[in-house]
Amino acid sequence: MMEKERAESGLEVTVEELGDISLIGLSGEVDVYTAPKLKDAINSLVEKGRYHIVVDLEKVVFLDSTGLGVLVGGLKKVKSHRGELGIICNQERILRVFRITGLTKVFPVYRTREELPAKEREKQDAG
């Protein structure tokens, strides 16, 4: 299942189901104007009982504090259901924001989509 929505202000949001994981793909800018689209996508998944979410930031060109706030809010929401919210990011300038704010210690960070299943297998093997 794949849904696609385009915000007038430059953020494309896609949602894809990969087994137990819901993958939110973002393309464009995540700022004060577009962050509500991301928040809506996360809230919609949580309402459907999807608590294992990964947000793909590979095609994000800009992420501000509002976007970070939405991600932290989403993390709190899924954690309250024993879920997890991770990010996919290979862009050093975006990862730097996560490092500076200490959020790399809070969010699972994957470098690529291909890394996702391997990380999930490691968790299952360890548990």
Protein backbone atom coordinates (compact mmCIF):
# COMPACT_ATOMS: atom_id res chain seq x y z
CA MET A 1 0.00 0.00 0.00
CA MET A 2 1.40 3.40 -0.91
CA GLU A 3 -0.18 6.79 -0.36
CA LYS A 4 1.19 9.99 -1.84
CA GLU A 5 0.39 13.58 -0.98
CA ARG A 6 2.02 16.78 -2.13
CA ALA A 7 2.02 19.89 0.00
CA GLU A 8 1.82 23.18 -1.87
CA SER A 9 4.82 24.47 0.07
CA GLY A 10 7.34 21.91 -1.13
CA LEU A 11 7.14 18.68 0.88
CA GLU A 12 6.17 15.38 -0.66
CA VAL A 13 5.09 12.68 1.81
CA THR A 14 4.75 8.99 0.94
CA VAL A 15 3.75 6.17 3.26
CA GLU A 16 4.75 2.60 2.50
CA GLU A 17 4.13 -0.55 4.55
CA LEU A 18 7.14 -2.88 4.78
CA GLY A 19 5.92 -5.76 6.94
CA ASP A 20 5.72 -4.47 10.51
CA ILE A 21 7.46 -1.22 9.57
CA SER A 22 5.71 1.85 8.20
CA LEU A 23 8.09 3.90 6.08
CA ILE A 24 7.37 7.61 5.69
CA GLY A 25 9.32 9.00 2.74
CA LEU A 26 9.91 12.74 2.65
CA SER A 27 11.11 14.84 -0.24
CA GLY A 28 11.67 18.59 0.00
CA GLU A 29 11.75 20.92 3.00
CA VAL A 30 10.53 20.12 6.51
CA ASP A 31 9.88 23.46 8.16
CA VAL A 32 7.23 25.37 10.09
CA TYR A 33 4.95 25.37 7.03
CA THR A 34 5.33 21.74 5.96
CA ALA A 35 5.92 19.93 9.28
CA PRO A 36 2.14 19.48 9.86
CA LYS A 37 2.12 17.10 6.85
CA LEU A 38 4.70 14.89 8.60
CA LYS A 39 2.81 15.13 11.88
CA ASP A 40 -0.42 14.09 10.14
CA ALA A 41 1.31 11.09 8.54
CA ILE A 42 2.71 9.92 11.89
CA ASN A 43 -0.60 10.46 13.69
CA SER A 44 -2.50 8.60 10.98
CA LEU A 45 -0.19 5.58 11.30
CA VAL A 46 -0.47 5.55 15.10
CA GLU A 47 -4.27 5.72 14.84
CA LYS A 48 -4.10 2.63 12.59
CA GLY A 49 -2.04 0.78 15.21
CA ARG A 50 1.26 1.14 13.33
CA TYR A 51 3.87 1.78 16.04
CA HIS A 52 7.09 0.88 14.20
CA ILE A 53 7.80 3.84 11.97
CA VAL A 54 10.86 4.90 10.03
CA VAL A 55 11.10 8.36 8.45
CA ASP A 56 13.27 8.50 5.33
CA LEU A 57 15.11 11.84 5.20
CA GLU A 58 17.35 11.00 2.22
CA LYS A 59 15.53 13.46 -0.07
CA VAL A 60 15.05 16.20 2.52
CA VAL A 61 16.89 19.39 1.57
CA PHE A 62 16.09 21.34 4.75
CA LEU A 63 15.00 20.40 8.28
CA ASP A 64 14.32 23.01 10.96
CA SER A 65 13.50 22.84 14.67
CA THR A 66 9.79 22.46 13.92
CA GLY A 67 10.55 19.30 11.94
CA LEU A 68 12.73 17.98 14.76
CA GLY A 69 9.92 18.72 17.21
CA VAL A 70 7.46 16.72 15.12
CA LEU A 71 9.87 13.77 15.03
CA VAL A 72 10.39 13.91 18.81
CA GLY A 73 6.61 14.15 19.34
CA GLY A 74 6.11 11.17 17.05
CA LEU A 75 8.76 9.21 18.94
CA LYS A 76 6.99 9.88 22.26
CA LYS A 77 3.69 8.81 20.72
CA VAL A 78 4.97 5.46 19.41
CA LYS A 79 7.04 4.79 22.56
CA SER A 80 3.83 5.04 24.60
CA HIS A 81 2.67 2.01 22.58
CA ARG A 82 6.04 0.22 22.95
CA GLY A 83 6.92 1.18 19.39
CA GLU A 84 9.89 2.83 17.76
CA LEU A 85 10.51 5.72 15.40
CA GLY A 86 13.75 5.68 13.44
CA ILE A 87 15.23 7.76 10.66
CA ILE A 88 17.01 6.99 7.42
CA CYS A 89 19.58 9.65 6.61
CA ASN A 90 22.90 9.69 4.79
CA GLN A 91 23.25 13.47 4.48
CA GLU A 92 25.92 14.78 6.79
CA ARG A 93 24.33 18.24 7.13
CA ILE A 94 21.04 16.74 8.34
CA LEU A 95 22.76 14.16 10.58
CA ARG A 96 24.79 16.98 12.12
CA VAL A 97 21.57 18.56 13.42
CA PHE A 98 20.67 15.25 15.09
CA ARG A 99 24.18 14.96 16.60
CA ILE A 100 24.27 18.55 17.90
CA THR A 101 20.89 18.14 19.58
CA GLY A 102 21.79 14.72 21.00
CA LEU A 103 18.99 13.06 19.07
CA THR A 104 21.27 10.38 17.57
CA LYS A 105 21.11 8.81 21.04
CA VAL A 106 17.30 8.82 20.94
CA PHE A 107 16.45 7.84 17.36
CA PRO A 108 17.68 4.68 15.65
CA VAL A 109 19.59 6.00 12.62
CA TYR A 110 19.90 3.98 9.41
CA ARG A 111 22.12 5.11 6.51
CA THR A 112 19.96 3.53 3.77
CA ARG A 113 16.67 1.69 3.32
CA GLU A 114 18.68 -1.45 2.62
CA GLU A 115 20.16 -1.25 6.12
CA LEU A 116 16.71 -1.40 7.69
CA PRO A 117 15.96 -5.14 7.45
CA ALA A 118 19.48 -6.03 8.61
CA LYS A 119 19.06 -3.90 11.74
CA GLU A 120 15.69 -5.49 12.45
CA ARG A 121 17.20 -8.98 12.08
CA GLU A 122 19.99 -8.07 14.52
CA LYS A 123 17.42 -7.03 17.12
CA GLN A 124 15.48 -10.28 16.66
CA ASP A 125 18.67 -12.40 16.88
CA ALA A 126 19.78 -10.57 20.03
CA GLY A 127 16.37 -10.90 21.69
